[in-house]
PDB file of N, CA and C in Angstrom:
ATOM      1  N   UNK A   1       0.852  -1.172   0.000  1.00  0.00           N
ATOM      2  CA  UNK A   1       0.000   0.000   0.000  1.00  0.00           C
ATOM      3  C   UNK A   1       0.900   1.237   0.000  1.00  0.00           C
ATOM      4  N   UNK A   2       0.640   2.167  -0.909  1.00  0.00           N
ATOM      5  CA  UNK A   2       1.475   3.367  -0.951  1.00  0.00           C
ATOM      6  C   UNK A   2       1.288   4.225   0.296  1.00  0.00           C
ATOM      7  N   UNK A   3       2.347   4.890   0.650  1.00  0.00           N
ATOM      8  CA  UNK A   3       2.322   5.768   1.824  1.00  0.00           C
ATOM      9  C   UNK A   3       1.662   7.098   1.462  1.00  0.00           C
ATOM     10  N   UNK A   4       1.057   7.723   2.484  1.00  0.00           N
ATOM     11  CA  UNK A   4       0.494   9.054   2.289  1.00  0.00           C
ATOM     12  C   UNK A   4       1.627  10.066   2.194  1.00  0.00           C
ATOM     13  N   UNK A   5       1.496  10.986   1.258  1.00  0.00           N
ATOM     14  CA  UNK A   5       2.492  12.048   1.121  1.00  0.00           C
ATOM     15  C   UNK A   5       2.087  13.228   1.993  1.00  0.00           C
ATOM     16  N   UNK A   6       3.001  14.170   2.167  1.00  0.00           N
ATOM     17  CA  UNK A   6       2.692  15.376   2.938  1.00  0.00           C
ATOM     18  C   UNK A   6       1.562  16.166   2.282  1.00  0.00           C
ATOM     19  N   UNK A   7       1.547  16.192   0.944  1.00  0.00           N
ATOM     20  CA  UNK A   7       0.474  16.898   0.235  1.00  0.00           C
ATOM     21  C   UNK A   7      -0.880  16.247   0.496  1.00  0.00           C
ATOM     22  N   UNK A   8      -0.919  14.917   0.546  1.00  0.00           N
ATOM     23  CA  UNK A   8      -2.182  14.220   0.823  1.00  0.00           C
ATOM     24  C   UNK A   8      -2.657  14.498   2.249  1.00  0.00           C
ATOM     25  N   UNK A   9      -1.723  14.544   3.189  1.00  0.00           N
ATOM     26  CA  UNK A   9      -2.091  14.858   4.574  1.00  0.00           C
ATOM     27  C   UNK A   9      -2.613  16.289   4.659  1.00  0.00           C
ATOM     28  N   UNK A  10      -1.983  17.216   3.958  1.00  0.00           N
ATOM     29  CA  UNK A  10      -2.449  18.601   3.953  1.00  0.00           C
ATOM     30  C   UNK A  10      -3.845  18.697   3.328  1.00  0.00           C
ATOM     31  N   UNK A  11      -4.098  17.899   2.293  1.00  0.00           N
ATOM     32  CA  UNK A  11      -5.417  17.899   1.668  1.00  0.00           C
ATOM     33  C   UNK A  11      -6.466  17.348   2.637  1.00  0.00           C
ATOM     34  N   UNK A  12      -6.130  16.272   3.353  1.00  0.00           N
ATOM     35  CA  UNK A  12      -7.037  15.735   4.370  1.00  0.00           C
ATOM     36  C   UNK A  12      -7.311  16.772   5.453  1.00  0.00           C
ATOM     37  N   UNK A  13      -6.282  17.475   5.862  1.00  0.00           N
ATOM     38  CA  UNK A  13      -6.442  18.515   6.882  1.00  0.00           C
ATOM     39  C   UNK A  13      -7.342  19.631   6.364  1.00  0.00           C
ATOM     40  N   UNK A  14      -7.139  20.024   5.124  1.00  0.00           N
ATOM     41  CA  UNK A  14      -7.971  21.075   4.532  1.00  0.00           C
ATOM     42  C   UNK A  14      -9.428  20.634   4.471  1.00  0.00           C
ATOM     43  N   UNK A  15      -9.674  19.390   4.071  1.00  0.00           N
ATOM     44  CA  UNK A  15     -11.040  18.867   4.005  1.00  0.00           C
ATOM     45  C   UNK A  15     -11.671  18.811   5.395  1.00  0.00           C
ATOM     46  N   UNK A  16     -10.836  18.594   6.414  1.00  0.00           N
ATOM     47  CA  UNK A  16     -11.316  18.545   7.800  1.00  0.00           C
ATOM     48  C   UNK A  16     -11.323  19.921   8.447  1.00  0.00           C
ATOM     49  N   UNK A  17     -10.945  20.920   7.668  1.00  0.00           N
ATOM     50  CA  UNK A  17     -10.867  22.302   8.150  1.00  0.00           C
ATOM     51  C   UNK A  17      -9.910  22.452   9.331  1.00  0.00           C
ATOM     52  N   UNK A  18      -8.767  21.795   9.185  1.00  0.00           N
ATOM     53  CA  UNK A  18      -7.704  21.894  10.183  1.00  0.00           C
ATOM     54  C   UNK A  18      -6.527  22.634   9.561  1.00  0.00           C
ATOM     55  N   UNK A  19      -5.875  23.429  10.363  1.00  0.00           N
ATOM     56  CA  UNK A  19      -4.657  24.097   9.917  1.00  0.00           C
ATOM     57  C   UNK A  19      -3.493  23.420  10.614  1.00  0.00           C
ATOM     58  N   UNK A  20      -2.594  22.817   9.822  1.00  0.00           N
ATOM     59  CA  UNK A  20      -1.465  22.083  10.386  1.00  0.00           C
ATOM     60  C   UNK A  20      -0.162  22.820  10.118  1.00  0.00           C
ATOM     61  N   UNK A  21       0.713  22.759  11.116  1.00  0.00           N
ATOM     62  CA  UNK A  21       2.075  23.235  10.906  1.00  0.00           C
ATOM     63  C   UNK A  21       2.844  22.137  10.189  1.00  0.00           C
ATOM     64  N   UNK A  22       4.052  22.432   9.742  1.00  0.00           N
ATOM     65  CA  UNK A  22       4.884  21.412   9.091  1.00  0.00           C
ATOM     66  C   UNK A  22       5.188  20.264  10.047  1.00  0.00           C
ATOM     67  N   UNK A  23       5.414  20.599  11.331  1.00  0.00           N
ATOM     68  CA  UNK A  23       5.680  19.552  12.327  1.00  0.00           C
ATOM     69  C   UNK A  23       4.461  18.649  12.510  1.00  0.00           C
ATOM     70  N   UNK A  24       3.276  19.255  12.599  1.00  0.00           N
ATOM     71  CA  UNK A  24       2.047  18.478  12.762  1.00  0.00           C
ATOM     72  C   UNK A  24       1.787  17.624  11.527  1.00  0.00           C
ATOM     73  N   UNK A  25       2.075  18.189  10.358  1.00  0.00           N
ATOM     74  CA  UNK A  25       1.893  17.442   9.131  1.00  0.00           C
ATOM     75  C   UNK A  25       2.765  16.177   9.148  1.00  0.00           C
ATOM     76  N   UNK A  26       4.033  16.336   9.531  1.00  0.00           N
ATOM     77  CA  UNK A  26       4.942  15.184   9.595  1.00  0.00           C
ATOM     78  C   UNK A  26       4.460  14.155  10.612  1.00  0.00           C
ATOM     79  N   UNK A  27       4.020  14.641  11.773  1.00  0.00           N
ATOM     80  CA  UNK A  27       3.540  13.746  12.830  1.00  0.00           C
ATOM     81  C   UNK A  27       2.331  12.950  12.345  1.00  0.00           C
ATOM     82  N   UNK A  28       1.345  13.651  11.753  1.00  0.00           N
ATOM     83  CA  UNK A  28       0.138  12.971  11.294  1.00  0.00           C
ATOM     84  C   UNK A  28       0.420  12.068  10.099  1.00  0.00           C
ATOM     85  N   UNK A  29       1.381  12.446   9.279  1.00  0.00           N
ATOM     86  CA  UNK A  29       1.766  11.593   8.159  1.00  0.00           C
ATOM     87  C   UNK A  29       2.267  10.249   8.684  1.00  0.00           C
ATOM     88  N   UNK A  30       3.127  10.289   9.697  1.00  0.00           N
ATOM     89  CA  UNK A  30       3.637   9.051  10.304  1.00  0.00           C
ATOM     90  C   UNK A  30       2.510   8.232  10.930  1.00  0.00           C
ATOM     91  N   UNK A  31       1.646   8.901  11.701  1.00  0.00           N
ATOM     92  CA  UNK A  31       0.574   8.194  12.395  1.00  0.00           C
ATOM     93  C   UNK A  31      -0.428   7.585  11.417  1.00  0.00           C
ATOM     94  N   UNK A  32      -0.811   8.331  10.402  1.00  0.00           N
ATOM     95  CA  UNK A  32      -1.762   7.811   9.419  1.00  0.00           C
ATOM     96  C   UNK A  32      -1.159   6.651   8.627  1.00  0.00           C
ATOM     97  N   UNK A  33       0.114   6.751   8.287  1.00  0.00           N
ATOM     98  CA  UNK A  33       0.769   5.661   7.576  1.00  0.00           C
ATOM     99  C   UNK A  33       0.860   4.412   8.450  1.00  0.00           C
ATOM    100  N   UNK A  34       1.078   4.573   9.757  1.00  0.00           N
ATOM    101  CA  UNK A  34       1.103   3.431  10.675  1.00  0.00           C
ATOM    102  C   UNK A  34      -0.262   2.761  10.730  1.00  0.00           C
ATOM    103  N   UNK A  35      -1.312   3.572  10.753  1.00  0.00           N
ATOM    104  CA  UNK A  35      -2.677   3.024  10.767  1.00  0.00           C
ATOM    105  C   UNK A  35      -2.940   2.261   9.482  1.00  0.00           C
ATOM    106  N   UNK A  36      -2.560   2.837   8.346  1.00  0.00           N
ATOM    107  CA  UNK A  36      -2.780   2.172   7.062  1.00  0.00           C
ATOM    108  C   UNK A  36      -1.993   0.870   6.967  1.00  0.00           C
ATOM    109  N   UNK A  37      -0.788   0.825   7.515  1.00  0.00           N
ATOM    110  CA  UNK A  37      -0.006  -0.416   7.537  1.00  0.00           C
ATOM    111  C   UNK A  37      -0.713  -1.475   8.372  1.00  0.00           C
ATOM    112  N   UNK A  38      -1.271  -1.079   9.501  1.00  0.00           N
ATOM    113  CA  UNK A  38      -1.987  -2.018  10.362  1.00  0.00           C
ATOM    114  C   UNK A  38      -3.223  -2.560   9.637  1.00  0.00           C
ATOM    115  N   UNK A  39      -3.959  -1.698   8.947  1.00  0.00           N
ATOM    116  CA  UNK A  39      -5.125  -2.136   8.183  1.00  0.00           C
ATOM    117  C   UNK A  39      -4.691  -3.110   7.092  1.00  0.00           C
ATOM    118  N   UNK A  40      -3.577  -2.832   6.475  1.00  0.00           N
ATOM    119  CA  UNK A  40      -3.050  -3.731   5.442  1.00  0.00           C
ATOM    120  C   UNK A  40      -2.746  -5.107   6.033  1.00  0.00           C
ATOM    121  N   UNK A  41      -2.187  -5.138   7.245  1.00  0.00           N
ATOM    122  CA  UNK A  41      -1.932  -6.416   7.922  1.00  0.00           C
ATOM    123  C   UNK A  41      -3.238  -7.148   8.186  1.00  0.00           C
ATOM    124  N   UNK A  42      -4.247  -6.436   8.655  1.00  0.00           N
ATOM    125  CA  UNK A  42      -5.538  -7.056   8.934  1.00  0.00           C
ATOM    126  C   UNK A  42      -6.176  -7.616   7.665  1.00  0.00           C
ATOM    127  N   UNK A  43      -6.027  -6.889   6.562  1.00  0.00           N
ATOM    128  CA  UNK A  43      -6.604  -7.355   5.304  1.00  0.00           C
ATOM    129  C   UNK A  43      -5.937  -8.622   4.797  1.00  0.00           C
ATOM    130  N   UNK A  44      -4.694  -8.863   5.182  1.00  0.00           N
ATOM    131  CA  UNK A  44      -3.970 -10.028   4.680  1.00  0.00           C
ATOM    132  C   UNK A  44      -4.289 -11.311   5.452  1.00  0.00           C
ATOM    133  N   UNK A  45      -5.032 -11.211   6.551  1.00  0.00           N
ATOM    134  CA  UNK A  45      -5.352 -12.385   7.365  1.00  0.00           C
ATOM    135  C   UNK A  45      -6.437 -13.203   6.680  1.00  0.00           C
ATOM    136  N   UNK A  46      -6.225 -14.516   6.629  1.00  0.00           N
ATOM    137  CA  UNK A  46      -7.212 -15.419   6.038  1.00  0.00           C
ATOM    138  C   UNK A  46      -8.266 -15.742   7.091  1.00  0.00           C
ATOM    139  N   UNK A  47      -9.498 -15.301   6.855  1.00  0.00           N
ATOM    140  CA  UNK A  47     -10.583 -15.531   7.811  1.00  0.00           C
ATOM    141  C   UNK A  47     -11.623 -16.494   7.252  1.00  0.00           C
ATOM    142  N   UNK A  48     -11.271 -17.186   6.194  1.00  0.00           N
ATOM    143  CA  UNK A  48     -12.214 -18.120   5.587  1.00  0.00           C
ATOM    144  C   UNK A  48     -12.580 -19.213   6.587  1.00  0.00           C
ATOM    145  N   UNK A  49     -13.864 -19.472   6.703  1.00  0.00           N
ATOM    146  CA  UNK A  49     -14.351 -20.514   7.606  1.00  0.00           C
ATOM    147  C   UNK A  49     -14.694 -20.024   9.006  1.00  0.00           C
ATOM    148  N   UNK A  50     -14.405 -18.777   9.311  1.00  0.00           N
ATOM    149  CA  UNK A  50     -14.731 -18.225  10.625  1.00  0.00           C
ATOM    150  C   UNK A  50     -16.068 -17.505  10.564  1.00  0.00           C
ATOM    151  N   UNK A  51     -16.837 -17.643  11.623  1.00  0.00           N
ATOM    152  CA  UNK A  51     -18.105 -16.932  11.720  1.00  0.00           C
ATOM    153  C   UNK A  51     -17.849 -15.541  12.286  1.00  0.00           C
ATOM    154  N   UNK A  52     -18.565 -14.528  11.804  1.00  0.00           N
ATOM    155  CA  UNK A  52     -18.389 -13.179  12.352  1.00  0.00           C
ATOM    156  C   UNK A  52     -18.788 -13.122  13.824  1.00  0.00           C
ATOM    157  N   UNK A  53     -18.070 -12.341  14.585  1.00  0.00           N
ATOM    158  CA  UNK A  53     -18.386 -12.121  15.993  1.00  0.00           C
ATOM    159  C   UNK A  53     -18.784 -10.657  16.126  1.00  0.00           C
ATOM    160  N   UNK A  54     -19.979 -10.440  16.644  1.00  0.00           N
ATOM    161  CA  UNK A  54     -20.477  -9.067  16.727  1.00  0.00           C
ATOM    162  C   UNK A  54     -20.263  -8.447  18.093  1.00  0.00           C
ATOM    163  N   UNK A  55     -20.104  -9.246  19.115  1.00  0.00           N
ATOM    164  CA  UNK A  55     -19.772  -8.744  20.446  1.00  0.00           C
ATOM    165  C   UNK A  55     -19.146  -9.888  21.219  1.00  0.00           C
ATOM    166  N   UNK A  56     -18.239  -9.559  22.134  1.00  0.00           N
ATOM    167  CA  UNK A  56     -17.502 -10.599  22.841  1.00  0.00           C
ATOM    168  C   UNK A  56     -17.723 -10.564  24.348  1.00  0.00           C
ATOM    169  N   UNK A  57     -18.564  -9.673  24.819  1.00  0.00           N
ATOM    170  CA  UNK A  57     -18.755  -9.517  26.259  1.00  0.00           C
ATOM    171  C   UNK A  57     -19.767 -10.471  26.865  1.00  0.00           C
ATOM    172  N   UNK A  58     -20.487 -11.224  26.045  1.00  0.00           N
ATOM    173  CA  UNK A  58     -21.471 -12.147  26.576  1.00  0.00           C
ATOM    174  C   UNK A  58     -22.778 -11.492  26.965  1.00  0.00           C
ATOM    175  N   UNK A  59     -22.961 -10.236  26.599  1.00  0.00           N
ATOM    176  CA  UNK A  59     -24.195  -9.544  26.959  1.00  0.00           C
ATOM    177  C   UNK A  59     -25.365 -10.156  26.190  1.00  0.00           C
ATOM    178  N   UNK A  60     -26.482 -10.182  26.832  1.00  0.00           N
ATOM    179  CA  UNK A  60     -27.696 -10.660  26.175  1.00  0.00           C
ATOM    180  C   UNK A  60     -28.655  -9.486  26.039  1.00  0.00           C
ATOM    181  N   UNK A  61     -29.666  -9.670  25.236  1.00  0.00           N
ATOM    182  CA  UNK A  61     -30.639  -8.617  25.031  1.00  0.00           C
ATOM    183  C   UNK A  61     -31.293  -8.264  26.364  1.00  0.00           C
ATOM    184  N   UNK A  62     -31.175  -7.028  26.767  1.00  0.00           N
ATOM    185  CA  UNK A  62     -31.694  -6.619  28.071  1.00  0.00           C
ATOM    186  C   UNK A  62     -32.984  -5.820  27.956  1.00  0.00           C
ATOM    187  N   UNK A  63     -33.601  -5.857  26.782  1.00  0.00           N
ATOM    188  CA  UNK A  63     -34.854  -5.129  26.642  1.00  0.00           C
ATOM    189  C   UNK A  63     -35.980  -5.925  27.286  1.00  0.00           C
ATOM    190  N   UNK A  64     -37.032  -5.269  27.590  1.00  0.00           N
ATOM    191  CA  UNK A  64     -38.196  -5.930  28.177  1.00  0.00           C
ATOM    192  C   UNK A  64     -39.381  -5.705  27.262  1.00  0.00           C
ATOM    193  N   UNK A  65     -40.372  -6.541  27.425  1.00  0.00           N
ATOM    194  CA  UNK A  65     -41.574  -6.395  26.617  1.00  0.00           C
ATOM    195  C   UNK A  65     -42.326  -5.140  27.055  1.00  0.00           C
ATOM    196  N   UNK A  66     -42.933  -4.471  26.100  1.00  0.00           N
ATOM    197  CA  UNK A  66     -43.761  -3.316  26.435  1.00  0.00           C
ATOM    198  C   UNK A  66     -44.980  -3.775  27.223  1.00  0.00           C
ATOM    199  N   UNK A  67     -45.372  -2.972  28.171  1.00  0.00           N
ATOM    200  CA  UNK A  67     -46.593  -3.287  28.896  1.00  0.00           C
ATOM    201  C   UNK A  67     -47.436  -2.025  29.003  1.00  0.00           C
ATOM    202  N   UNK A  68     -48.713  -2.209  28.896  1.00  0.00           N
ATOM    203  CA  UNK A  68     -49.635  -1.081  28.981  1.00  0.00           C
ATOM    204  C   UNK A  68     -50.046  -0.916  30.428  1.00  0.00           C
ATOM    205  N   UNK A  69     -49.884   0.288  30.932  1.00  0.00           N
ATOM    206  CA  UNK A  69     -50.260   0.579  32.312  1.00  0.00           C
ATOM    207  C   UNK A  69     -51.553   1.379  32.264  1.00  0.00           C
ATOM    208  N   UNK A  70     -52.552   0.841  32.877  1.00  0.00           N
ATOM    209  CA  UNK A  70     -53.846   1.527  32.911  1.00  0.00           C
ATOM    210  C   UNK A  70     -53.856   2.477  34.104  1.00  0.00           C
ATOM    211  N   UNK A  71     -53.948   3.764  33.823  1.00  0.00           N
ATOM    212  CA  UNK A  71     -54.018   4.745  34.893  1.00  0.00           C
ATOM    213  C   UNK A  71     -55.464   4.887  35.346  1.00  0.00           C
ATOM    214  N   UNK A  72     -55.623   5.006  36.628  1.00  0.00           N
ATOM    215  CA  UNK A  72     -56.967   5.134  37.181  1.00  0.00           C
ATOM    216  C   UNK A  72     -57.472   6.566  37.107  1.00  0.00           C
ATOM    217  N   UNK A  73     -56.553   7.511  36.992  1.00  0.00           N
ATOM    218  CA  UNK A  73     -56.953   8.923  36.979  1.00  0.00           C
ATOM    219  C   UNK A  73     -57.373   9.338  35.577  1.00  0.00           C
ATOM    220  N   UNK A  74     -58.343  10.184  35.504  1.00  0.00           N
ATOM    221  CA  UNK A  74     -58.776  10.732  34.215  1.00  0.00           C
ATOM    222  C   UNK A  74     -57.808  11.847  33.819  1.00  0.00           C
ATOM    223  N   UNK A  75     -57.812  12.221  32.542  1.00  0.00           N
ATOM    224  CA  UNK A  75     -56.927  13.320  32.133  1.00  0.00           C
ATOM    225  C   UNK A  75     -57.146  14.589  32.952  1.00  0.00           C
ATOM    226  N   UNK A  76     -58.387  14.912  33.251  1.00  0.00           N
ATOM    227  CA  UNK A  76     -58.632  16.128  34.028  1.00  0.00           C
ATOM    228  C   UNK A  76     -58.082  15.984  35.449  1.00  0.00           C
ATOM    229  N   UNK A  77     -58.124  14.768  36.010  1.00  0.00           N
ATOM    230  CA  UNK A  77     -57.560  14.528  37.343  1.00  0.00           C
ATOM    231  C   UNK A  77     -56.039  14.687  37.309  1.00  0.00           C
ATOM    232  N   UNK A  78     -55.399  14.204  36.237  1.00  0.00           N
ATOM    233  CA  UNK A  78     -53.940  14.346  36.115  1.00  0.00           C
ATOM    234  C   UNK A  78     -53.557  15.816  36.007  1.00  0.00           C
ATOM    235  N   UNK A  79     -54.311  16.589  35.233  1.00  0.00           N
ATOM    236  CA  UNK A  79     -54.032  18.027  35.114  1.00  0.00           C
ATOM    237  C   UNK A  79     -54.183  18.688  36.473  1.00  0.00           C
ATOM    238  N   UNK A  80     -55.206  18.316  37.204  1.00  0.00           N
ATOM    239  CA  UNK A  80     -55.452  18.902  38.515  1.00  0.00           C
ATOM    240  C   UNK A  80     -54.308  18.589  39.479  1.00  0.00           C
ATOM    241  N   UNK A  81     -53.698  17.378  39.367  1.00  0.00           N
ATOM    242  CA  UNK A  81     -52.627  16.975  40.274  1.00  0.00           C
ATOM    243  C   UNK A  81     -51.260  17.535  39.879  1.00  0.00           C
ATOM    244  N   UNK A  82     -51.145  18.087  38.678  1.00  0.00           N
ATOM    245  CA  UNK A  82     -49.867  18.644  38.234  1.00  0.00           C
ATOM    246  C   UNK A  82     -49.479  19.819  39.120  1.00  0.00           C
ATOM    247  N   UNK A  83     -48.156  20.043  39.307  1.00  0.00           N
ATOM    248  CA  UNK A  83     -47.720  21.170  40.139  1.00  0.00           C
ATOM    249  C   UNK A  83     -48.280  22.502  39.664  1.00  0.00           C
ATOM    250  N   UNK A  84     -48.357  22.689  38.335  1.00  0.00           N
ATOM    251  CA  UNK A  84     -48.928  23.918  37.796  1.00  0.00           C
ATOM    252  C   UNK A  84     -49.821  23.561  36.624  1.00  0.00           C
ATOM    253  N   UNK A  85     -50.968  24.213  36.527  1.00  0.00           N
ATOM    254  CA  UNK A  85     -51.834  24.011  35.368  1.00  0.00           C
ATOM    255  C   UNK A  85     -52.523  25.321  35.044  1.00  0.00           C
ATOM    256  N   UNK A  86     -52.950  25.373  33.785  1.00  0.00           N
ATOM    257  CA  UNK A  86     -53.604  26.599  33.326  1.00  0.00           C
ATOM    258  C   UNK A  86     -54.580  26.245  32.206  1.00  0.00           C
ATOM    259  N   UNK A  87     -55.815  26.685  32.345  1.00  0.00           N
ATOM    260  CA  UNK A  87     -56.859  26.471  31.331  1.00  0.00           C
ATOM    261  C   UNK A  87     -57.004  25.005  30.946  1.00  0.00           C
ATOM    262  N   UNK A  88     -56.872  24.105  31.917  1.00  0.00           N
ATOM    263  CA  UNK A  88     -57.062  22.684  31.654  1.00  0.00           C
ATOM    264  C   UNK A  88     -55.848  21.973  31.086  1.00  0.00           C
ATOM    265  N   UNK A  89     -54.696  22.631  31.084  1.00  0.00           N
ATOM    266  CA  UNK A  89     -53.461  22.031  30.565  1.00  0.00           C
ATOM    267  C   UNK A  89     -52.394  22.058  31.651  1.00  0.00           C
ATOM    268  N   UNK A  90     -51.446  21.112  31.570  1.00  0.00           N
ATOM    269  CA  UNK A  90     -50.309  21.116  32.492  1.00  0.00           C
ATOM    270  C   UNK A  90     -49.357  22.212  32.022  1.00  0.00           C
ATOM    271  N   UNK A  91     -48.968  23.070  32.947  1.00  0.00           N
ATOM    272  CA  UNK A  91     -48.078  24.179  32.615  1.00  0.00           C
ATOM    273  C   UNK A  91     -46.654  23.765  32.941  1.00  0.00           C
ATOM    274  N   UNK A  92     -45.773  23.943  31.961  1.00  0.00           N
ATOM    275  CA  UNK A  92     -44.361  23.602  32.140  1.00  0.00           C
ATOM    276  C   UNK A  92     -43.522  24.836  31.858  1.00  0.00           C
ATOM    277  N   UNK A  93     -42.267  24.765  32.263  1.00  0.00           N
ATOM    278  CA  UNK A  93     -41.352  25.873  32.032  1.00  0.00           C
ATOM    279  C   UNK A  93     -41.003  26.006  30.560  1.00  0.00           C
ATOM    280  N   UNK A  94     -40.446  27.133  30.222  1.00  0.00           N
ATOM    281  CA  UNK A  94     -40.025  27.407  28.857  1.00  0.00           C
ATOM    282  C   UNK A  94     -38.939  26.410  28.438  1.00  0.00           C
ATOM    283  N   UNK A  95     -39.081  25.812  27.253  1.00  0.00           N
ATOM    284  CA  UNK A  95     -38.148  24.794  26.805  1.00  0.00           C
ATOM    285  C   UNK A  95     -37.067  25.343  25.863  1.00  0.00           C
ATOM    286  N   UNK A  96     -37.367  26.402  25.160  1.00  0.00           N
ATOM    287  CA  UNK A  96     -36.425  26.955  24.192  1.00  0.00           C
ATOM    288  C   UNK A  96     -35.949  28.296  24.717  1.00  0.00           C
ATOM    289  N   UNK A  97     -34.618  28.474  24.720  1.00  0.00           N
ATOM    290  CA  UNK A  97     -34.014  29.685  25.258  1.00  0.00           C
ATOM    291  C   UNK A  97     -34.304  30.838  24.431  1.00  0.00           C
TER     292      UNK A  97
END
């Protein structure tokens, strides 16, 4: 795999709206090339016959079934019990600054 040039790193920085010094350009050039070399190593591994693994922690689905809760209070009773209400509606604080 060809290495990234300083011009390519500067172009990536420009696309990312970053301003790099020459030192930063050299540093990122080295780091990006190291990452690309590692990806190249991963691509060369023969994985034929292996099943994909999507998670390794052993977690299981922790969701629960939806359940409908029947409230005994009527809508007007809920409005009445709210800390603040006005004209039959629950009054809340301003949400948008």
